[in-house]
Protein backbone atom coordinates (compact mmCIF):
# COMPACT_ATOMS: atom_id res chain seq x y z
CA MET A 1 -0.08 0.04 0.06
CA SER A 2 0.92 3.60 -0.50
CA GLN A 3 -0.88 6.08 1.52
CA GLU A 4 -0.15 8.93 -1.02
CA LEU A 5 -1.71 7.03 -3.94
CA LEU A 6 -4.70 5.94 -2.08
CA ASN A 7 -5.76 9.44 -0.86
CA LYS A 8 -8.86 10.31 -2.70
CA GLU A 9 -9.36 13.99 -1.67
CA GLY A 10 -11.08 15.97 -4.51
CA GLN A 11 -12.48 12.79 -6.11
CA ALA A 12 -15.95 11.38 -6.24
CA VAL A 13 -16.82 8.29 -4.10
CA PRO A 14 -17.11 5.04 -6.08
CA GLN A 15 -20.36 4.32 -7.80
CA VAL A 16 -21.63 1.09 -6.34
CA THR A 17 -24.82 -0.50 -5.04
CA PHE A 18 -25.04 -1.72 -1.55
CA HIS A 19 -27.19 -4.66 -0.55
CA THR A 20 -28.72 -3.68 2.83
CA ARG A 21 -31.30 -5.47 4.86
CA GLN A 22 -34.29 -3.45 6.09
CA ASP A 23 -37.51 -4.84 7.70
CA ASN A 24 -36.53 -8.37 6.76
CA GLU A 25 -36.10 -7.59 3.11
CA PHE A 26 -33.05 -6.84 0.88
CA VAL A 27 -33.01 -3.17 -0.17
CA ASP A 28 -30.44 -1.86 -2.60
CA VAL A 29 -28.95 1.44 -1.79
CA THR A 30 -26.77 3.34 -4.36
CA THR A 31 -23.90 5.59 -3.78
CA ASP A 32 -26.01 8.58 -4.97
CA GLU A 33 -28.64 7.79 -2.39
CA LEU A 34 -26.12 7.78 0.42
CA PHE A 35 -24.11 11.00 -0.63
CA LYS A 36 -25.92 13.09 -3.22
CA GLY A 37 -26.69 16.62 -1.93
CA LYS A 38 -25.57 15.75 1.66
CA THR A 39 -22.59 16.21 3.96
CA VAL A 40 -21.68 12.78 5.07
CA ILE A 41 -18.94 11.44 7.39
CA VAL A 42 -17.73 7.91 6.55
CA PHE A 43 -15.58 5.71 8.70
CA ALA A 44 -14.58 2.34 7.38
CA LEU A 45 -12.96 -0.49 9.46
CA PRO A 46 -11.83 -4.15 9.07
CA GLY A 47 -14.73 -5.97 10.66
CA ALA A 48 -17.80 -5.94 12.75
CA PHE A 49 -17.58 -7.23 16.37
CA THR A 50 -13.67 -6.85 16.29
CA PRO A 51 -11.96 -5.37 19.38
CA THR A 52 -10.99 -1.90 18.31
CA CYS A 53 -13.86 -1.40 16.02
CA SER A 54 -16.31 -2.29 18.83
CA SER A 55 -14.55 -0.67 21.86
CA ALA A 56 -13.47 2.58 20.45
CA HIS A 57 -14.20 3.35 16.67
CA VAL A 58 -17.96 2.93 16.68
CA PRO A 59 -18.73 4.07 20.20
CA ARG A 60 -16.98 7.48 19.92
CA TYR A 61 -18.65 8.23 16.52
CA ASN A 62 -21.90 7.22 18.12
CA GLN A 63 -21.26 9.55 21.01
CA LEU A 64 -20.38 12.47 18.89
CA ILE A 65 -23.37 12.29 16.58
CA PRO A 66 -25.25 15.25 18.09
CA THR A 67 -22.04 17.30 17.82
CA PHE A 68 -21.59 16.41 14.15
CA LYS A 69 -25.05 17.25 13.31
CA ALA A 70 -24.85 20.57 15.08
CA ASN A 71 -21.93 21.39 12.86
CA GLY A 72 -23.50 20.65 9.44
CA VAL A 73 -23.19 16.90 9.09
CA ASP A 74 -26.30 15.17 7.64
CA GLU A 75 -25.38 11.57 8.21
CA VAL A 76 -22.57 9.38 9.66
CA VAL A 77 -21.88 6.15 7.90
CA CYS A 78 -19.98 3.04 9.04
CA ILE A 79 -18.74 0.78 6.18
CA SER A 80 -17.23 -2.76 6.57
CA VAL A 81 -16.68 -5.79 4.37
CA ASN A 82 -19.36 -7.71 6.08
CA ASP A 83 -22.85 -8.86 5.02
CA ALA A 84 -26.04 -6.99 5.83
CA PHE A 85 -27.10 -9.46 8.55
CA VAL A 86 -23.94 -9.08 10.41
CA MET A 87 -23.90 -5.29 10.16
CA ASN A 88 -27.42 -5.10 11.36
CA GLU A 89 -26.77 -7.21 14.49
CA TRP A 90 -23.58 -5.23 15.15
CA GLN A 91 -25.58 -1.97 14.96
CA GLU A 92 -28.05 -3.33 17.54
CA ASP A 93 -25.10 -4.70 19.71
CA GLN A 94 -23.54 -1.13 19.69
CA HIS A 95 -26.85 0.60 20.29
CA ALA A 96 -25.80 2.95 17.40
CA HIS A 97 -29.06 3.54 15.65
CA ASP A 98 -28.17 7.07 14.75
CA ILE A 99 -25.26 5.64 12.61
CA THR A 100 -26.02 4.24 9.18
CA PHE A 101 -24.38 0.85 8.98
CA ILE A 102 -23.52 -0.10 5.37
CA PRO A 103 -22.56 -3.59 4.34
CA ASP A 104 -19.80 -3.71 1.65
CA GLY A 105 -20.24 -7.45 1.41
CA ASN A 106 -18.28 -7.88 -1.90
CA GLY A 107 -15.76 -5.23 -1.10
CA ASP A 108 -16.78 -3.21 -4.13
CA PHE A 109 -16.76 0.17 -2.45
CA SER A 110 -13.57 -0.60 -0.60
CA GLU A 111 -11.77 -1.70 -3.78
CA GLY A 112 -13.07 1.49 -5.56
CA MET A 113 -11.63 3.55 -2.80
CA GLY A 114 -8.25 1.71 -3.01
CA MET A 115 -8.75 0.40 0.46
CA LEU A 116 -9.35 -3.35 0.01
CA VAL A 117 -6.47 -5.22 1.58
CA ASP A 118 -5.61 -8.78 2.07
CA LYS A 119 -5.98 -9.99 5.61
CA SER A 120 -5.84 -13.69 4.78
CA ALA A 121 -3.06 -14.15 7.31
CA ILE A 122 -5.49 -13.74 10.13
CA GLY A 123 -8.32 -15.54 8.26
CA PHE A 124 -10.26 -12.45 7.25
CA GLY A 125 -9.73 -12.59 3.54
CA LYS A 126 -10.14 -9.25 1.77
CA ARG A 127 -11.13 -6.47 4.11
CA SER A 128 -11.17 -2.69 4.33
CA TRP A 129 -8.27 -0.64 5.51
CA ARG A 130 -9.22 1.60 8.41
CA TYR A 131 -10.02 5.17 7.31
CA SER A 132 -12.35 8.11 7.56
CA MET A 133 -13.54 10.72 5.25
CA LEU A 134 -15.74 13.84 4.99
CA VAL A 135 -17.85 13.72 1.80
CA LYS A 136 -19.81 16.66 0.40
CA ASP A 137 -22.31 15.99 -2.42
CA GLY A 138 -20.47 12.88 -3.36
CA ILE A 139 -16.97 14.61 -3.43
CA ILE A 140 -14.32 13.54 -0.88
CA GLU A 141 -13.14 16.71 0.84
CA LYS A 142 -10.90 15.20 3.59
CA HIS A 143 -9.52 11.70 3.68
CA PHE A 144 -7.91 10.36 6.88
CA ILE A 145 -6.06 7.10 6.21
CA GLU A 146 -4.25 4.96 8.84
CA ALA A 147 -0.56 4.44 8.38
CA ASP A 148 0.66 1.48 6.18
CA VAL A 149 2.23 -0.54 9.05
CA GLU A 150 1.64 -4.02 10.34
CA GLY A 151 -1.38 -4.82 12.48
CA ASP A 152 -4.45 -2.64 12.86
CA PRO A 153 -3.35 1.15 13.44
CA PHE A 154 -5.89 3.46 14.88
CA ASP A 155 -4.60 6.94 15.11
CA VAL A 156 -6.20 9.28 12.62
CA SER A 157 -9.57 7.76 11.54
CA ASP A 158 -11.18 8.36 14.91
CA ALA A 159 -14.14 10.62 15.59
CA ASP A 160 -12.23 13.27 17.52
CA THR A 161 -9.74 13.87 14.69
CA MET A 162 -12.72 14.21 12.28
CA LEU A 163 -14.34 16.74 14.60
CA GLU A 164 -11.17 18.69 14.97
CA TYR A 165 -11.05 19.00 11.23
CA LEU A 166 -14.63 19.81 10.89
CA THR A 167 -14.71 22.49 13.54
CA PRO A 168 -11.64 23.00 15.64
CA SER A 169 -13.63 25.18 18.15
CA ALA A 170 -16.23 22.56 18.83
CA ASP A 171 -16.74 21.60 22.56
CA ALA A 172 -16.69 17.78 22.25
CA PRO A 173 -18.14 15.83 25.14
CA ALA A 174 -15.70 13.85 27.19
CA SER A 175 -15.03 10.22 26.35
CA VAL A 176 -15.98 8.24 29.46
CA THR A 177 -15.92 4.49 29.95
CA VAL A 178 -17.02 2.63 33.00
CA MET A 179 -15.90 -0.96 33.49
CA SER A 180 -18.41 -2.56 35.77
CA ARG A 181 -19.84 -5.93 37.10
CA LYS A 182 -23.41 -6.80 37.40
CA GLY A 183 -24.85 -6.20 40.93
CA CYS A 184 -21.94 -4.07 41.95
CA PRO A 185 -23.25 -1.23 44.25
CA TYR A 186 -20.00 0.91 43.74
CA CYS A 187 -20.54 0.71 39.95
CA ALA A 188 -24.06 1.92 40.40
CA LYS A 189 -22.74 4.84 42.53
CA ALA A 190 -20.16 5.76 39.95
CA LYS A 191 -22.70 5.80 37.16
CA LYS A 192 -25.01 7.91 39.19
CA MET A 193 -22.31 10.47 39.87
CA LEU A 194 -21.47 10.72 36.27
CA THR A 195 -25.01 10.95 35.31
CA ASP A 196 -25.67 13.76 37.82
CA ALA A 197 -22.53 15.53 36.62
CA GLY A 198 -23.89 15.54 33.08
CA TYR A 199 -21.49 13.02 31.68
CA ASP A 200 -22.52 10.36 29.07
CA TYR A 201 -20.61 7.15 29.39
CA GLU A 202 -20.06 3.74 27.77
CA GLU A 203 -20.34 0.81 30.08
CA LEU A 204 -18.39 -2.28 29.64
CA VAL A 205 -19.58 -5.27 31.86
CA MET A 206 -17.39 -7.97 33.10
CA GLY A 207 -18.00 -11.41 31.58
CA THR A 208 -19.60 -9.87 28.51
CA ASP A 209 -17.32 -7.21 27.29
CA TYR A 210 -14.11 -8.08 29.27
CA THR A 211 -12.66 -10.63 31.65
CA ASP A 212 -11.14 -10.17 35.10
CA ARG A 213 -7.73 -11.21 33.60
CA SER A 214 -7.97 -8.41 30.92
CA LEU A 215 -8.93 -5.91 33.62
CA ARG A 216 -5.96 -6.84 35.75
CA ALA A 217 -3.74 -6.40 32.69
CA MET A 218 -5.04 -3.00 32.13
CA VAL A 219 -5.07 -1.57 35.73
CA GLY A 220 -3.24 -4.10 37.86
CA SER A 221 -6.49 -4.99 39.73
CA THR A 222 -9.81 -6.77 39.33
CA MET A 223 -11.79 -4.28 41.50
CA VAL A 224 -14.70 -2.52 39.87
CA PRO A 225 -15.65 -0.07 38.80
CA GLN A 226 -12.75 1.26 36.84
CA ILE A 227 -13.35 4.65 35.16
CA PHE A 228 -11.44 6.08 32.22
CA ILE A 229 -12.07 9.69 31.05
CA ASN A 230 -10.51 10.82 27.88
CA GLY A 231 -8.15 8.05 27.84
CA ASP A 232 -6.87 8.74 31.46
CA HIS A 233 -7.45 6.02 34.11
CA ILE A 234 -9.34 7.71 37.02
CA GLY A 235 -9.81 4.67 39.18
CA GLY A 236 -12.80 3.48 41.31
CA SER A 237 -15.91 5.37 42.67
CA THR A 238 -13.88 7.19 45.34
CA HIS A 239 -11.34 8.34 42.83
CA LEU A 240 -14.10 9.48 40.54
CA GLU A 241 -15.77 11.45 43.36
CA GLN A 242 -12.38 13.23 43.91
CA TRP A 243 -12.00 13.87 40.23
CA LEU A 244 -15.47 15.41 40.07
CA GLU A 245 -14.83 17.59 42.98
CA LYS A 246 -11.83 19.06 41.27
């Protein structure tokens, strides 16, 4: 891959037809239907239900939807080389009904973007490289492409980078994650403190979204809750209370 060759700024998005699934029926959606006459943010990623895509990429775009729309964006679109059934289930799992999930099942759009890459080494076959772009009336104004390095880099296609480009003066809400356990009273206390202070948050539940082993690897403890704000580890409910007081 060559990042310079793949950058599509100033060009039209590929003309393809997406085979979506709506109300238990297949519905074809064309490129023009998605982009014509609209300002659209697109973020593309390697696969539904994969770790970075599910824990960071989709959630932050989902959280910033109101901010994007307040700054002139008509629609936010997530594209992945997955089928319509998988994309619909993933949208439900992510509670991201304000994002338009588009299945690029055959990879036609990704290939037209120059972003279809071979991930056969990990059993994925052909998938999309991770990127984001701002599209106005079908023309790509800005194209953020992750670096051509091994693995799955996630540095420039995130929602905050897009917001910074779109409107540097925007007051973006904090990114808050609560790692909790079902039935934990301290977790309930922490969530109430965040809600009372006006913070939206993403909740990850032990046994469903992470394990005690992964939690220990992250923070050196299996105690919950563990709160992260804008990437900084705050700690438990007592630490959160002290942070909010400041």
